[in-house]
């Protein structure tokens, strides 16, 4: 009888020990990174359809559509990095929920974020896609077999097109026509993303649409109201808008 009790307690303690071990392995050891985009024109919030803006060339315009791809997102710090898996997002001003996304990272401290504005060449030639990359999102050229990296549409009195429309569909991923741009953004002085278990670190990124017109290259509506094919002008606009981003704040909360 005593031997049976000994065997019983042995298995009981083994079971408890295994349960505790399992519980320890289930302890969360990652934190959540939340990335939020805020679209603006200079210092003013971007408002679709109703708000009139003025560019550096004293040309006025309204915006009816503003969308862009963010992909290959990574956080960087001294000698380390954390990359989001399957990292493809379509930021659409008309869809508030699209302007923020989350992913998990091991505990670490980061001082900058980088991403592509556009879709990398691999996914441009990978056939049918889903989610953010679904061609039904109206960001894919079937005639050119490639993604529109960024899109801005609206109206301007300076446009010579029917209905005074302006239309910029920026794409191209092959060779000299590659419009994909790498963006690397340091965090503001004194701000770090301290990724801790069970906590959320939010990185707020402001995108200034005004740079589409006047940054590295001068893009005047009167001279170029429409750009919807790959080429040198698309690359100029891509070069401009690759500089529209800046990190304005980094927050940590549970």
Protein backbone atom coordinates (compact mmCIF):
# COMPACT_ATOMS: atom_id res chain seq x y z
CA UNK A 1 0.00 0.00 0.00
CA UNK A 2 2.76 2.48 0.94
CA UNK A 3 4.46 1.69 -2.35
CA UNK A 4 1.25 2.52 -4.22
CA UNK A 5 0.96 5.85 -2.40
CA UNK A 6 4.59 6.62 -3.23
CA UNK A 7 3.97 5.95 -6.88
CA UNK A 8 0.80 8.07 -6.77
CA UNK A 9 2.56 11.09 -5.25
CA UNK A 10 5.47 10.73 -7.65
CA UNK A 11 3.15 11.02 -10.63
CA UNK A 12 1.19 13.85 -8.96
CA UNK A 13 4.33 15.93 -8.40
CA UNK A 14 5.53 15.14 -11.91
CA UNK A 15 2.21 16.36 -13.28
CA UNK A 16 2.33 19.57 -11.23
CA UNK A 17 5.92 20.17 -12.26
CA UNK A 18 5.07 19.66 -15.90
CA UNK A 19 2.12 22.05 -15.58
CA UNK A 20 4.28 24.75 -13.98
CA UNK A 21 6.92 24.27 -16.67
CA UNK A 22 4.24 24.65 -19.31
CA UNK A 23 2.94 27.79 -17.62
CA UNK A 24 6.41 29.32 -17.62
CA UNK A 25 6.83 28.59 -21.32
CA UNK A 26 3.53 30.34 -21.99
CA UNK A 27 4.71 33.60 -20.39
CA UNK A 28 4.54 36.37 -23.00
CA UNK A 29 8.03 37.50 -23.96
CA UNK A 30 7.08 39.88 -26.76
CA UNK A 31 5.68 43.36 -27.03
CA UNK A 32 3.43 44.95 -29.64
CA UNK A 33 4.63 47.55 -32.11
CA UNK A 34 1.85 49.81 -33.36
CA UNK A 35 2.61 51.99 -36.39
CA UNK A 36 0.24 54.90 -37.08
CA UNK A 37 0.30 57.18 -40.13
CA UNK A 38 -1.11 60.72 -40.03
CA UNK A 39 -1.51 62.32 -43.45
CA UNK A 40 -1.14 66.09 -43.65
CA UNK A 41 -0.53 68.92 -46.10
CA UNK A 42 2.19 71.05 -44.54
CA UNK A 43 0.90 71.42 -40.98
CA UNK A 44 -2.77 70.96 -41.85
CA UNK A 45 -4.72 67.69 -41.66
CA UNK A 46 -5.47 66.16 -45.04
CA UNK A 47 -9.20 66.43 -45.74
CA UNK A 48 -10.50 64.73 -48.86
CA UNK A 49 -12.70 66.49 -51.43
CA UNK A 50 -13.59 69.69 -49.57
CA UNK A 51 -10.32 71.32 -48.45
CA UNK A 52 -8.27 73.45 -50.88
CA UNK A 53 -4.48 73.49 -50.61
CA UNK A 54 -1.76 75.60 -52.24
CA UNK A 55 1.59 74.24 -53.36
CA UNK A 56 4.96 76.03 -53.56
CA UNK A 57 4.13 77.30 -57.07
CA UNK A 58 0.92 79.03 -55.92
CA UNK A 59 -1.21 76.36 -57.57
CA UNK A 60 -4.37 75.35 -55.73
CA UNK A 61 -5.80 71.85 -55.59
CA UNK A 62 -8.14 69.49 -53.77
CA UNK A 63 -7.47 65.82 -53.08
CA UNK A 64 -10.08 63.12 -53.64
CA UNK A 65 -7.87 60.05 -53.23
CA UNK A 66 -4.57 59.46 -51.42
CA UNK A 67 -3.11 55.99 -50.91
CA UNK A 68 0.31 54.37 -50.73
CA UNK A 69 1.93 51.04 -50.01
CA UNK A 70 4.15 50.54 -46.96
CA UNK A 71 6.14 47.28 -46.97
CA UNK A 72 9.16 45.50 -45.48
CA UNK A 73 8.82 47.33 -42.15
CA UNK A 74 11.71 47.00 -39.68
CA UNK A 75 12.80 48.61 -36.42
CA UNK A 76 16.50 49.27 -35.93
CA UNK A 77 18.74 49.83 -32.95
CA UNK A 78 22.44 49.47 -32.11
CA UNK A 79 23.42 46.17 -33.70
CA UNK A 80 19.89 44.77 -33.83
CA UNK A 81 16.69 44.88 -35.82
CA UNK A 82 13.14 43.53 -35.75
CA UNK A 83 11.32 42.89 -39.03
CA UNK A 84 7.61 42.44 -39.53
CA UNK A 85 6.76 39.19 -41.27
CA UNK A 86 4.60 39.33 -44.41
CA UNK A 87 4.89 43.10 -44.28
CA UNK A 88 2.54 44.72 -46.81
CA UNK A 89 0.09 47.51 -45.97
CA UNK A 90 -2.06 49.81 -48.08
CA UNK A 91 -2.52 53.15 -46.31
CA UNK A 92 -5.70 54.81 -47.60
CA UNK A 93 -6.80 58.22 -46.33
CA UNK A 94 -10.43 57.25 -47.01
CA UNK A 95 -10.15 54.24 -44.67
CA UNK A 96 -9.07 55.30 -41.15
CA UNK A 97 -8.44 51.70 -40.05
CA UNK A 98 -5.83 51.30 -42.81
CA UNK A 99 -3.63 54.01 -41.30
CA UNK A 100 -2.48 51.87 -38.39
CA UNK A 101 -1.14 48.32 -38.06
CA UNK A 102 0.47 46.14 -35.37
CA UNK A 103 3.11 43.44 -35.19
CA UNK A 104 4.97 41.60 -32.44
CA UNK A 105 8.64 41.96 -31.49
CA UNK A 106 10.99 40.45 -28.95
CA UNK A 107 11.93 42.72 -26.03
CA UNK A 108 14.47 45.30 -27.21
CA UNK A 109 15.11 49.02 -27.57
CA UNK A 110 14.96 50.65 -31.00
CA UNK A 111 15.84 54.11 -32.26
CA UNK A 112 14.57 54.17 -35.88
CA UNK A 113 12.13 52.61 -38.30
CA UNK A 114 12.58 51.79 -41.96
CA UNK A 115 10.26 50.61 -44.71
CA UNK A 116 9.72 50.63 -48.45
CA UNK A 117 7.16 52.97 -49.92
CA UNK A 118 5.88 50.68 -52.62
CA UNK A 119 5.91 46.93 -53.25
CA UNK A 120 9.17 45.05 -53.72
CA UNK A 121 9.99 43.46 -57.07
CA UNK A 122 9.39 39.90 -55.80
CA UNK A 123 5.73 40.54 -55.07
CA UNK A 124 5.29 42.44 -58.34
CA UNK A 125 5.98 39.24 -60.25
CA UNK A 126 4.48 36.67 -57.85
CA UNK A 127 1.11 36.28 -59.50
CA UNK A 128 -2.23 36.53 -57.72
CA UNK A 129 -2.07 38.17 -54.29
CA UNK A 130 -4.46 38.66 -51.39
CA UNK A 131 -5.10 41.17 -48.62
CA UNK A 132 -3.40 44.53 -49.12
CA UNK A 133 -1.89 43.23 -52.36
CA UNK A 134 -5.18 42.09 -53.88
CA UNK A 135 -5.53 43.63 -57.37
CA UNK A 136 -9.15 44.41 -56.47
CA UNK A 137 -7.78 47.24 -54.31
CA UNK A 138 -7.30 49.18 -57.56
CA UNK A 139 -3.56 49.52 -57.02
CA UNK A 140 -2.37 47.09 -59.71
CA UNK A 141 -1.72 47.66 -63.41
CA UNK A 142 -2.85 44.57 -65.27
CA UNK A 143 -1.57 46.09 -68.51
CA UNK A 144 1.89 46.59 -67.01
CA UNK A 145 1.92 43.67 -64.53
CA UNK A 146 2.96 45.76 -61.57
CA UNK A 147 1.71 47.66 -58.55
CA UNK A 148 0.90 51.34 -58.26
CA UNK A 149 3.19 52.28 -55.36
CA UNK A 150 1.33 55.48 -54.49
CA UNK A 151 -1.75 57.22 -55.83
CA UNK A 152 -3.03 60.77 -55.54
CA UNK A 153 -6.05 62.15 -57.38
CA UNK A 154 -8.00 65.40 -57.24
CA UNK A 155 -8.69 68.63 -59.08
CA UNK A 156 -6.90 71.90 -59.74
CA UNK A 157 -7.75 75.09 -61.67
CA UNK A 158 -4.22 74.87 -63.10
CA UNK A 159 -4.89 71.50 -64.75
CA UNK A 160 -5.49 71.48 -68.51
CA UNK A 161 -7.34 68.15 -68.33
CA UNK A 162 -11.07 67.56 -68.71
CA UNK A 163 -12.79 68.39 -65.43
CA UNK A 164 -9.56 70.05 -64.22
CA UNK A 165 -8.51 66.68 -62.83
CA UNK A 166 -5.07 65.80 -61.49
CA UNK A 167 -4.01 62.17 -61.39
CA UNK A 168 -0.75 60.67 -60.19
CA UNK A 169 -0.43 56.87 -60.23
CA UNK A 170 3.21 56.21 -59.47
CA UNK A 171 4.57 52.78 -60.35
CA UNK A 172 7.38 50.88 -61.98
CA UNK A 173 9.75 48.33 -60.45
CA UNK A 174 12.05 47.32 -63.28
CA UNK A 175 15.54 48.67 -63.86
CA UNK A 176 15.75 52.40 -64.54
CA UNK A 177 11.99 52.83 -63.97
CA UNK A 178 12.05 51.52 -60.39
CA UNK A 179 9.86 53.81 -58.27
CA UNK A 180 10.20 51.84 -55.01
CA UNK A 181 12.00 53.87 -52.35
CA UNK A 182 13.58 52.92 -49.03
CA UNK A 183 12.68 55.24 -46.16
CA UNK A 184 14.71 55.32 -42.93
CA UNK A 185 13.37 57.48 -40.12
CA UNK A 186 15.18 58.22 -36.86
CA UNK A 187 13.02 58.75 -33.80
CA UNK A 188 12.82 62.26 -32.30
CA UNK A 189 15.59 63.17 -29.83
CA UNK A 190 15.09 61.43 -26.51
CA UNK A 191 12.49 59.04 -27.93
CA UNK A 192 13.06 55.28 -28.09
CA UNK A 193 10.78 52.32 -28.70
CA UNK A 194 11.28 50.21 -25.59
CA UNK A 195 9.62 46.95 -26.49
CA UNK A 196 8.50 45.23 -23.29
CA UNK A 197 6.52 42.06 -22.66
CA UNK A 198 2.79 42.68 -22.79
CA UNK A 199 3.13 46.38 -23.66
CA UNK A 200 2.38 48.42 -26.79
CA UNK A 201 4.88 50.85 -28.30
CA UNK A 202 3.23 53.20 -30.79
CA UNK A 203 5.27 54.94 -33.49
CA UNK A 204 3.45 57.92 -34.99
CA UNK A 205 4.56 58.87 -38.51
CA UNK A 206 3.43 62.05 -40.23
CA UNK A 207 3.24 62.10 -44.05
CA UNK A 208 3.25 65.55 -45.70
CA UNK A 209 1.58 65.39 -49.12
CA UNK A 210 3.02 68.81 -50.02
CA UNK A 211 6.40 67.17 -50.76
CA UNK A 212 4.87 65.58 -53.89
CA UNK A 213 5.20 68.97 -55.57
CA UNK A 214 8.37 70.44 -54.22
CA UNK A 215 11.23 68.52 -52.63
CA UNK A 216 14.09 67.18 -54.74
CA UNK A 217 12.21 67.95 -57.98
CA UNK A 218 9.77 70.71 -58.95
CA UNK A 219 6.46 69.22 -60.09
CA UNK A 220 4.05 71.87 -61.36
CA UNK A 221 0.42 70.98 -61.94
CA UNK A 222 0.25 73.26 -64.99
CA UNK A 223 3.08 71.28 -66.60
CA UNK A 224 2.24 67.77 -65.33
CA UNK A 225 -1.39 67.33 -64.25
CA UNK A 226 -1.28 63.59 -64.98
CA UNK A 227 1.39 60.91 -64.47
CA UNK A 228 0.10 57.36 -64.77
CA UNK A 229 2.94 55.40 -66.40
CA UNK A 230 6.43 54.36 -65.26
CA UNK A 231 9.25 56.61 -66.36
CA UNK A 232 11.44 59.55 -65.40
CA UNK A 233 8.60 61.76 -64.14
CA UNK A 234 7.18 58.97 -61.99
CA UNK A 235 10.64 58.49 -60.51
CA UNK A 236 10.92 62.24 -59.80
CA UNK A 237 7.62 62.20 -57.92
CA UNK A 238 8.64 59.05 -56.03
CA UNK A 239 11.89 60.76 -55.05
CA UNK A 240 9.87 63.68 -53.72
CA UNK A 241 7.33 61.72 -51.71
CA UNK A 242 9.95 59.40 -50.23
CA UNK A 243 10.83 62.46 -48.11
CA UNK A 244 7.29 63.14 -46.92
CA UNK A 245 7.62 61.03 -43.76
CA UNK A 246 8.86 61.86 -40.26
CA UNK A 247 8.39 60.22 -36.88
CA UNK A 248 6.66 62.74 -34.61
CA UNK A 249 6.31 60.68 -31.43
CA UNK A 250 6.93 57.30 -29.81
CA UNK A 251 4.58 56.22 -27.03
CA UNK A 252 4.53 53.19 -24.72
CA UNK A 253 1.43 51.95 -22.92
CA UNK A 254 -0.26 48.75 -21.77
